[in-house]
Amino acid sequence: MAILKRTKKTEVEETAVEKKVVKDAPVKKAVMQKSKVGEEKKAKKAVVSGDAYRVLVRPLVTEKSARLASDGVYTFQVAMGVDKIYVRQAIKALYNVDPVRVNILNQRGKEVRVGRVSGSRNHWRKAYVIMEKGQHLDVYEGV
């Protein structure tokens, strides 16, 4: 028990010394720096910059999409819950190009049968990304 009493006395003495030091120090006013209005507005990062791979599932490679790509319209399979804004931000984050317009449509999964068991494939969502003339996406580079 004597050990505990000794440590308590030293703690009390240390706090008393700290209180004296605080009183002796002069109080300084905090100087507020005024910032310009332009500096406060910073460019917002795209919401999906790190999650763009979740928004754009894959580019669709078909004859129709290849024909449309020559006109500046690119097709992607996108996640089910996303809207046009997320697709636009994902394209901007991945390809550093701002699309003119994005059209989205839902595709129903096909009905399939294996023997007597019938079912259906998953429903999915397609996005048409329309670019300005002269802008190009390297979607079909490795195909």
N, C-alpha and C. Protein backbone atom coordinates (compact mmCIF):
# COMPACT_ATOMS: atom_id res chain seq x y z
N MET A 1 0.81 -1.20 0.00
CA MET A 1 0.00 0.00 0.00
C MET A 1 0.85 1.26 0.00
N ALA A 2 2.02 1.20 0.54
CA ALA A 2 2.88 2.37 0.60
C ALA A 2 3.29 2.80 -0.80
N ILE A 3 3.40 1.87 -1.70
CA ILE A 3 3.78 2.20 -3.08
C ILE A 3 2.72 3.07 -3.73
N LEU A 4 1.46 2.74 -3.53
CA LEU A 4 0.39 3.52 -4.13
C LEU A 4 0.35 4.94 -3.59
N LYS A 5 0.57 5.11 -2.29
CA LYS A 5 0.54 6.45 -1.71
C LYS A 5 1.67 7.30 -2.26
N ARG A 6 2.81 6.70 -2.48
CA ARG A 6 3.95 7.47 -3.00
C ARG A 6 3.66 7.97 -4.42
N THR A 7 3.08 7.11 -5.26
CA THR A 7 2.80 7.54 -6.62
C THR A 7 1.71 8.60 -6.65
N LYS A 8 0.76 8.52 -5.76
CA LYS A 8 -0.30 9.52 -5.73
C LYS A 8 0.25 10.89 -5.35
N LYS A 9 1.20 10.95 -4.42
CA LYS A 9 1.77 12.23 -4.00
C LYS A 9 2.52 12.87 -5.16
N THR A 10 3.26 12.09 -5.92
CA THR A 10 4.01 12.67 -7.03
C THR A 10 3.08 13.17 -8.12
N GLU A 11 1.98 12.49 -8.36
CA GLU A 11 1.03 12.95 -9.37
C GLU A 11 0.39 14.26 -8.96
N VAL A 12 0.05 14.40 -7.68
CA VAL A 12 -0.56 15.63 -7.18
C VAL A 12 0.42 16.78 -7.28
N GLU A 13 1.68 16.55 -6.96
CA GLU A 13 2.69 17.59 -7.04
C GLU A 13 2.92 18.02 -8.49
N GLU A 14 2.93 17.07 -9.42
CA GLU A 14 3.14 17.40 -10.83
C GLU A 14 2.01 18.24 -11.38
N THR A 15 0.77 17.93 -11.02
CA THR A 15 -0.35 18.72 -11.51
C THR A 15 -0.31 20.13 -10.94
N ALA A 16 0.15 20.28 -9.69
CA ALA A 16 0.26 21.61 -9.09
C ALA A 16 1.30 22.43 -9.83
N VAL A 17 2.41 21.82 -10.21
CA VAL A 17 3.46 22.52 -10.95
C VAL A 17 2.94 22.92 -12.33
N GLU A 18 2.19 22.05 -12.99
CA GLU A 18 1.66 22.36 -14.31
C GLU A 18 0.68 23.52 -14.25
N LYS A 19 -0.13 23.59 -13.20
CA LYS A 19 -1.08 24.69 -13.07
C LYS A 19 -0.37 26.01 -12.92
N LYS A 20 0.74 26.05 -12.18
CA LYS A 20 1.49 27.28 -12.02
C LYS A 20 2.08 27.73 -13.35
N VAL A 21 2.57 26.79 -14.13
CA VAL A 21 3.17 27.12 -15.42
C VAL A 21 2.13 27.71 -16.35
N VAL A 22 0.94 27.20 -16.33
CA VAL A 22 -0.12 27.69 -17.20
C VAL A 22 -0.49 29.12 -16.83
N LYS A 23 -0.51 29.45 -15.56
CA LYS A 23 -0.88 30.80 -15.12
C LYS A 23 0.18 31.81 -15.50
N ASP A 24 1.45 31.41 -15.49
CA ASP A 24 2.53 32.34 -15.78
C ASP A 24 2.63 32.69 -17.26
N ALA A 25 2.17 31.81 -18.15
CA ALA A 25 2.30 32.04 -19.58
C ALA A 25 1.34 33.14 -20.02
N PRO A 26 1.81 34.10 -20.85
CA PRO A 26 0.92 35.16 -21.33
C PRO A 26 -0.08 34.60 -22.34
N VAL A 27 -1.28 35.13 -22.33
CA VAL A 27 -2.32 34.67 -23.22
C VAL A 27 -2.21 35.44 -24.54
N LYS A 28 -2.14 34.70 -25.64
CA LYS A 28 -2.06 35.33 -26.96
C LYS A 28 -3.39 35.19 -27.66
N LYS A 29 -3.74 36.21 -28.41
CA LYS A 29 -4.97 36.15 -29.19
C LYS A 29 -4.71 35.34 -30.45
N ALA A 30 -5.69 34.57 -30.81
CA ALA A 30 -5.58 33.80 -32.05
C ALA A 30 -5.85 34.72 -33.22
N VAL A 31 -4.96 34.73 -34.16
CA VAL A 31 -5.09 35.59 -35.33
C VAL A 31 -5.79 34.79 -36.42
N MET A 32 -6.93 35.28 -36.87
CA MET A 32 -7.69 34.62 -37.92
C MET A 32 -7.22 35.16 -39.27
N GLN A 33 -6.86 34.27 -40.15
CA GLN A 33 -6.45 34.69 -41.49
C GLN A 33 -7.65 34.64 -42.40
N LYS A 34 -7.83 35.71 -43.14
CA LYS A 34 -8.94 35.75 -44.08
C LYS A 34 -8.49 35.09 -45.38
N SER A 35 -9.32 34.20 -45.88
CA SER A 35 -8.99 33.54 -47.13
C SER A 35 -9.88 34.09 -48.23
N LYS A 36 -9.39 34.00 -49.42
CA LYS A 36 -10.14 34.50 -50.56
C LYS A 36 -11.28 33.54 -50.88
N VAL A 37 -12.32 34.08 -51.49
CA VAL A 37 -13.49 33.27 -51.82
C VAL A 37 -13.13 32.19 -52.83
N GLY A 38 -12.27 32.50 -53.77
CA GLY A 38 -11.88 31.55 -54.81
C GLY A 38 -11.11 30.37 -54.25
N GLU A 39 -10.36 30.59 -53.16
CA GLU A 39 -9.57 29.50 -52.60
C GLU A 39 -10.44 28.50 -51.86
N GLU A 40 -11.57 28.96 -51.32
CA GLU A 40 -12.44 28.07 -50.57
C GLU A 40 -13.12 27.05 -51.48
N LYS A 41 -13.41 27.45 -52.68
CA LYS A 41 -14.06 26.54 -53.62
C LYS A 41 -12.99 25.66 -54.26
N LYS A 42 -13.05 24.40 -53.93
CA LYS A 42 -12.10 23.45 -54.50
C LYS A 42 -12.86 22.52 -55.43
N ALA A 43 -12.15 21.99 -56.40
CA ALA A 43 -12.78 21.08 -57.35
C ALA A 43 -13.19 19.81 -56.62
N LYS A 44 -14.44 19.41 -56.81
CA LYS A 44 -14.93 18.19 -56.17
C LYS A 44 -14.42 16.99 -56.95
N LYS A 45 -14.01 15.99 -56.22
CA LYS A 45 -13.60 14.76 -56.88
C LYS A 45 -14.84 14.00 -57.29
N ALA A 46 -14.69 13.20 -58.31
CA ALA A 46 -15.82 12.38 -58.74
C ALA A 46 -16.17 11.41 -57.63
N VAL A 47 -17.43 11.18 -57.47
CA VAL A 47 -17.90 10.32 -56.39
C VAL A 47 -17.39 8.90 -56.59
N VAL A 48 -17.24 8.50 -57.84
CA VAL A 48 -16.90 7.12 -58.14
C VAL A 48 -15.45 6.96 -58.57
N SER A 49 -14.60 7.91 -58.22
CA SER A 49 -13.23 7.84 -58.70
C SER A 49 -12.54 6.55 -58.31
N GLY A 50 -12.76 6.07 -57.07
CA GLY A 50 -12.17 4.82 -56.65
C GLY A 50 -13.05 3.63 -56.95
N ASP A 51 -14.32 3.87 -57.20
CA ASP A 51 -15.28 2.80 -57.40
C ASP A 51 -15.81 2.76 -58.83
N ALA A 52 -15.07 3.27 -59.77
CA ALA A 52 -15.54 3.29 -61.16
C ALA A 52 -15.68 1.88 -61.70
N TYR A 53 -14.88 0.97 -61.21
CA TYR A 53 -14.97 -0.41 -61.68
C TYR A 53 -16.27 -1.06 -61.24
N ARG A 54 -16.91 -0.53 -60.19
CA ARG A 54 -18.19 -1.07 -59.75
C ARG A 54 -19.34 -0.51 -60.57
N VAL A 55 -19.17 0.68 -61.11
CA VAL A 55 -20.23 1.30 -61.91
C VAL A 55 -20.22 0.73 -63.32
N LEU A 56 -19.07 0.76 -63.97
CA LEU A 56 -18.94 0.22 -65.33
C LEU A 56 -18.51 -1.24 -65.22
N VAL A 57 -19.43 -2.14 -65.50
CA VAL A 57 -19.12 -3.57 -65.37
C VAL A 57 -18.18 -4.00 -66.48
N ARG A 58 -18.54 -3.69 -67.74
CA ARG A 58 -17.68 -4.04 -68.87
C ARG A 58 -18.17 -3.30 -70.10
N PRO A 59 -17.30 -3.06 -71.08
CA PRO A 59 -17.78 -2.51 -72.34
C PRO A 59 -18.43 -3.62 -73.16
N LEU A 60 -19.49 -3.29 -73.87
CA LEU A 60 -20.16 -4.27 -74.71
C LEU A 60 -19.49 -4.28 -76.08
N VAL A 61 -19.03 -5.45 -76.48
CA VAL A 61 -18.34 -5.60 -77.76
C VAL A 61 -19.25 -6.40 -78.67
N THR A 62 -19.99 -5.71 -79.52
CA THR A 62 -20.86 -6.34 -80.51
C THR A 62 -20.68 -5.60 -81.83
N GLU A 63 -21.31 -6.11 -82.88
CA GLU A 63 -21.23 -5.43 -84.17
C GLU A 63 -21.91 -4.07 -84.09
N LYS A 64 -23.05 -4.03 -83.42
CA LYS A 64 -23.78 -2.77 -83.29
C LYS A 64 -22.97 -1.74 -82.50
N SER A 65 -22.34 -2.18 -81.40
CA SER A 65 -21.57 -1.23 -80.59
C SER A 65 -20.32 -0.75 -81.33
N ALA A 66 -19.73 -1.60 -82.16
CA ALA A 66 -18.57 -1.19 -82.96
C ALA A 66 -18.98 -0.16 -84.00
N ARG A 67 -20.17 -0.35 -84.59
CA ARG A 67 -20.67 0.61 -85.57
C ARG A 67 -20.98 1.95 -84.90
N LEU A 68 -21.59 1.89 -83.71
CA LEU A 68 -21.91 3.11 -82.99
C LEU A 68 -20.66 3.83 -82.50
N ALA A 69 -19.61 3.07 -82.17
CA ALA A 69 -18.37 3.67 -81.68
C ALA A 69 -17.72 4.55 -82.74
N SER A 70 -17.91 4.20 -84.00
CA SER A 70 -17.35 5.04 -85.07
C SER A 70 -18.07 6.39 -85.14
N ASP A 71 -19.30 6.45 -84.61
CA ASP A 71 -20.05 7.71 -84.55
C ASP A 71 -19.88 8.43 -83.22
N GLY A 72 -19.09 7.86 -82.30
CA GLY A 72 -18.85 8.51 -81.01
C GLY A 72 -19.80 8.09 -79.92
N VAL A 73 -20.47 6.94 -80.09
CA VAL A 73 -21.39 6.42 -79.07
C VAL A 73 -20.82 5.09 -78.58
N TYR A 74 -20.52 5.01 -77.28
CA TYR A 74 -19.92 3.82 -76.69
C TYR A 74 -20.92 3.15 -75.76
N THR A 75 -20.93 1.82 -75.77
CA THR A 75 -21.89 1.08 -74.95
C THR A 75 -21.17 0.33 -73.84
N PHE A 76 -21.77 0.36 -72.65
CA PHE A 76 -21.22 -0.31 -71.48
C PHE A 76 -22.32 -1.05 -70.76
N GLN A 77 -21.97 -2.16 -70.14
CA GLN A 77 -22.87 -2.78 -69.18
C GLN A 77 -22.54 -2.14 -67.84
N VAL A 78 -23.58 -1.64 -67.15
CA VAL A 78 -23.38 -0.93 -65.89
C VAL A 78 -24.12 -1.66 -64.78
N ALA A 79 -23.80 -1.34 -63.54
CA ALA A 79 -24.44 -1.97 -62.38
C ALA A 79 -25.90 -1.57 -62.33
N MET A 80 -26.71 -2.39 -61.67
CA MET A 80 -28.16 -2.19 -61.67
C MET A 80 -28.60 -0.93 -60.93
N GLY A 81 -27.91 -0.50 -59.91
CA GLY A 81 -28.40 0.61 -59.10
C GLY A 81 -27.93 1.99 -59.53
N VAL A 82 -27.12 2.09 -60.57
CA VAL A 82 -26.53 3.39 -60.91
C VAL A 82 -27.42 4.17 -61.85
N ASP A 83 -27.21 5.49 -61.86
CA ASP A 83 -27.95 6.36 -62.75
C ASP A 83 -26.97 7.07 -63.69
N LYS A 84 -27.50 7.99 -64.48
CA LYS A 84 -26.69 8.65 -65.50
C LYS A 84 -25.54 9.46 -64.91
N ILE A 85 -25.76 10.04 -63.75
CA ILE A 85 -24.73 10.87 -63.14
C ILE A 85 -23.52 10.03 -62.74
N TYR A 86 -23.77 8.86 -62.14
CA TYR A 86 -22.67 7.98 -61.75
C TYR A 86 -21.90 7.47 -62.97
N VAL A 87 -22.61 7.16 -64.04
CA VAL A 87 -21.95 6.69 -65.25
C VAL A 87 -21.07 7.80 -65.83
N ARG A 88 -21.59 9.01 -65.86
CA ARG A 88 -20.83 10.16 -66.38
C ARG A 88 -19.56 10.36 -65.55
N GLN A 89 -19.67 10.29 -64.22
CA GLN A 89 -18.51 10.50 -63.36
C GLN A 89 -17.50 9.36 -63.49
N ALA A 90 -17.98 8.15 -63.71
CA ALA A 90 -17.07 7.01 -63.88
C ALA A 90 -16.29 7.13 -65.18
N ILE A 91 -16.95 7.56 -66.25
CA ILE A 91 -16.27 7.76 -67.54
C ILE A 91 -15.21 8.85 -67.39
N LYS A 92 -15.57 9.92 -66.70
CA LYS A 92 -14.63 11.02 -66.50
C LYS A 92 -13.44 10.57 -65.66
N ALA A 93 -13.67 9.73 -64.65
CA ALA A 93 -12.59 9.27 -63.79
C ALA A 93 -11.66 8.29 -64.51
N LEU A 94 -12.22 7.40 -65.34
CA LEU A 94 -11.40 6.38 -65.99
C LEU A 94 -10.71 6.88 -67.25
N TYR A 95 -11.44 7.64 -68.08
CA TYR A 95 -10.92 8.01 -69.39
C TYR A 95 -10.54 9.49 -69.50
N ASN A 96 -10.77 10.29 -68.45
CA ASN A 96 -10.47 11.73 -68.44
C ASN A 96 -11.16 12.47 -69.58
N VAL A 97 -12.37 12.07 -69.88
CA VAL A 97 -13.16 12.70 -70.94
C VAL A 97 -14.57 12.90 -70.41
N ASP A 98 -15.14 14.07 -70.68
CA ASP A 98 -16.48 14.37 -70.20
C ASP A 98 -17.48 14.08 -71.32
N PRO A 99 -18.41 13.12 -71.12
CA PRO A 99 -19.37 12.80 -72.16
C PRO A 99 -20.42 13.89 -72.33
N VAL A 100 -20.98 13.96 -73.54
CA VAL A 100 -22.04 14.93 -73.83
C VAL A 100 -23.34 14.47 -73.20
N ARG A 101 -23.65 13.19 -73.37
CA ARG A 101 -24.93 12.67 -72.89
C ARG A 101 -24.78 11.19 -72.56
N VAL A 102 -25.62 10.72 -71.64
CA VAL A 102 -25.64 9.30 -71.26
C VAL A 102 -27.08 8.83 -71.30
N ASN A 103 -27.33 7.75 -72.03
CA ASN A 103 -28.65 7.12 -72.06
C ASN A 103 -28.53 5.75 -71.41
N ILE A 104 -29.50 5.42 -70.56
CA ILE A 104 -29.48 4.14 -69.86
C ILE A 104 -30.78 3.40 -70.12
N LEU A 105 -30.68 2.09 -70.35
CA LEU A 105 -31.88 1.28 -70.50
C LEU A 105 -31.68 -0.05 -69.81
N ASN A 106 -32.79 -0.63 -69.38
CA ASN A 106 -32.78 -1.91 -68.68
C ASN A 106 -33.02 -3.04 -69.68
N GLN A 107 -32.27 -4.12 -69.53
CA GLN A 107 -32.43 -5.29 -70.37
C GLN A 107 -32.92 -6.45 -69.50
N ARG A 108 -33.93 -7.15 -69.98
CA ARG A 108 -34.43 -8.30 -69.24
C ARG A 108 -33.54 -9.51 -69.54
N GLY A 109 -33.36 -10.35 -68.54
CA GLY A 109 -32.60 -11.58 -68.73
C GLY A 109 -33.40 -12.57 -69.55
N LYS A 110 -32.73 -13.33 -70.40
CA LYS A 110 -33.42 -14.29 -71.26
C LYS A 110 -33.91 -15.48 -70.46
N GLU A 111 -35.03 -16.02 -70.90
CA GLU A 111 -35.56 -17.25 -70.29
C GLU A 111 -34.75 -18.42 -70.83
N VAL A 112 -34.30 -19.30 -69.95
CA VAL A 112 -33.49 -20.44 -70.36
C VAL A 112 -34.07 -21.71 -69.75
N ARG A 113 -33.73 -22.85 -70.39
CA ARG A 113 -34.19 -24.15 -69.89
C ARG A 113 -33.04 -25.14 -69.95
N VAL A 114 -32.97 -25.96 -68.93
CA VAL A 114 -32.04 -27.08 -68.93
C VAL A 114 -32.87 -28.30 -68.59
N GLY A 115 -33.22 -29.08 -69.61
CA GLY A 115 -34.12 -30.22 -69.40
C GLY A 115 -35.51 -29.72 -69.03
N ARG A 116 -36.01 -30.17 -67.90
CA ARG A 116 -37.34 -29.73 -67.46
C ARG A 116 -37.27 -28.48 -66.59
N VAL A 117 -36.09 -28.12 -66.16
CA VAL A 117 -35.93 -26.98 -65.26
C VAL A 117 -35.82 -25.70 -66.08
N SER A 118 -36.70 -24.76 -65.81
CA SER A 118 -36.63 -23.48 -66.52
C SER A 118 -36.22 -22.38 -65.54
N GLY A 119 -35.60 -21.37 -66.07
CA GLY A 119 -35.16 -20.24 -65.25
C GLY A 119 -34.89 -19.05 -66.15
N SER A 120 -34.19 -18.09 -65.62
CA SER A 120 -33.86 -16.92 -66.44
C SER A 120 -32.49 -16.40 -66.04
N ARG A 121 -31.83 -15.76 -66.99
CA ARG A 121 -30.56 -15.11 -66.71
C ARG A 121 -30.84 -13.80 -65.97
N ASN A 122 -29.79 -13.23 -65.41
CA ASN A 122 -29.95 -12.00 -64.64
C ASN A 122 -30.35 -10.83 -65.54
N HIS A 123 -31.19 -9.94 -65.01
CA HIS A 123 -31.48 -8.68 -65.70
C HIS A 123 -30.23 -7.82 -65.62
N TRP A 124 -30.05 -6.96 -66.60
CA TRP A 124 -28.87 -6.11 -66.59
C TRP A 124 -29.21 -4.74 -67.16
N ARG A 125 -28.26 -3.84 -67.10
CA ARG A 125 -28.49 -2.44 -67.45
C ARG A 125 -27.43 -2.02 -68.46
N LYS A 126 -27.86 -1.34 -69.51
CA LYS A 126 -26.96 -0.91 -70.58
C LYS A 126 -26.90 0.61 -70.60
N ALA A 127 -25.71 1.15 -70.86
CA ALA A 127 -25.54 2.60 -70.94
C ALA A 127 -24.91 2.95 -72.29
N TYR A 128 -25.52 3.92 -72.97
CA TYR A 128 -24.94 4.50 -74.18
C TYR A 128 -24.30 5.82 -73.78
N VAL A 129 -22.99 5.92 -73.99
CA VAL A 129 -22.24 7.13 -73.64
C VAL A 129 -21.93 7.86 -74.93
N ILE A 130 -22.49 9.07 -75.09
CA ILE A 130 -22.33 9.85 -76.31
C ILE A 130 -21.24 10.88 -76.09
N MET A 131 -20.23 10.87 -76.97
CA MET A 131 -19.09 11.77 -76.86
C MET A 131 -19.17 12.85 -77.93
N GLU A 132 -18.41 13.93 -77.73
CA GLU A 132 -18.33 14.98 -78.74
C GLU A 132 -17.54 14.46 -79.94
N LYS A 133 -17.73 15.11 -81.07
CA LYS A 133 -16.98 14.72 -82.26
C LYS A 133 -15.51 15.02 -82.01
N GLY A 134 -14.67 14.06 -82.35
CA GLY A 134 -13.24 14.22 -82.14
C GLY A 134 -12.74 13.56 -80.86
N GLN A 135 -13.63 13.29 -79.91
CA GLN A 135 -13.21 12.60 -78.69
C GLN A 135 -13.28 11.09 -78.93
N HIS A 136 -12.36 10.38 -78.30
CA HIS A 136 -12.24 8.95 -78.56
C HIS A 136 -11.94 8.22 -77.25
N LEU A 137 -12.58 7.08 -77.03
CA LEU A 137 -12.29 6.22 -75.89
C LEU A 137 -11.61 4.96 -76.40
N ASP A 138 -10.57 4.52 -75.71
CA ASP A 138 -9.87 3.30 -76.10
C ASP A 138 -10.51 2.10 -75.42
N VAL A 139 -11.74 1.79 -75.83
CA VAL A 139 -12.49 0.69 -75.23
C VAL A 139 -12.12 -0.63 -75.88
N TYR A 140 -11.95 -0.63 -77.18
CA TYR A 140 -11.74 -1.87 -77.93
C TYR A 140 -10.26 -2.12 -78.21
N GLU A 141 -9.39 -1.57 -77.40
CA GLU A 141 -7.96 -1.64 -77.65
C GLU A 141 -7.42 -3.07 -77.57
N GLY A 142 -7.84 -3.85 -76.57
CA GLY A 142 -7.29 -5.19 -76.39
C GLY A 142 -8.13 -6.28 -77.03
N VAL A 143 -9.16 -5.92 -77.78
CA VAL A 143 -10.08 -6.92 -78.34
C VAL A 143 -9.62 -7.33 -79.71
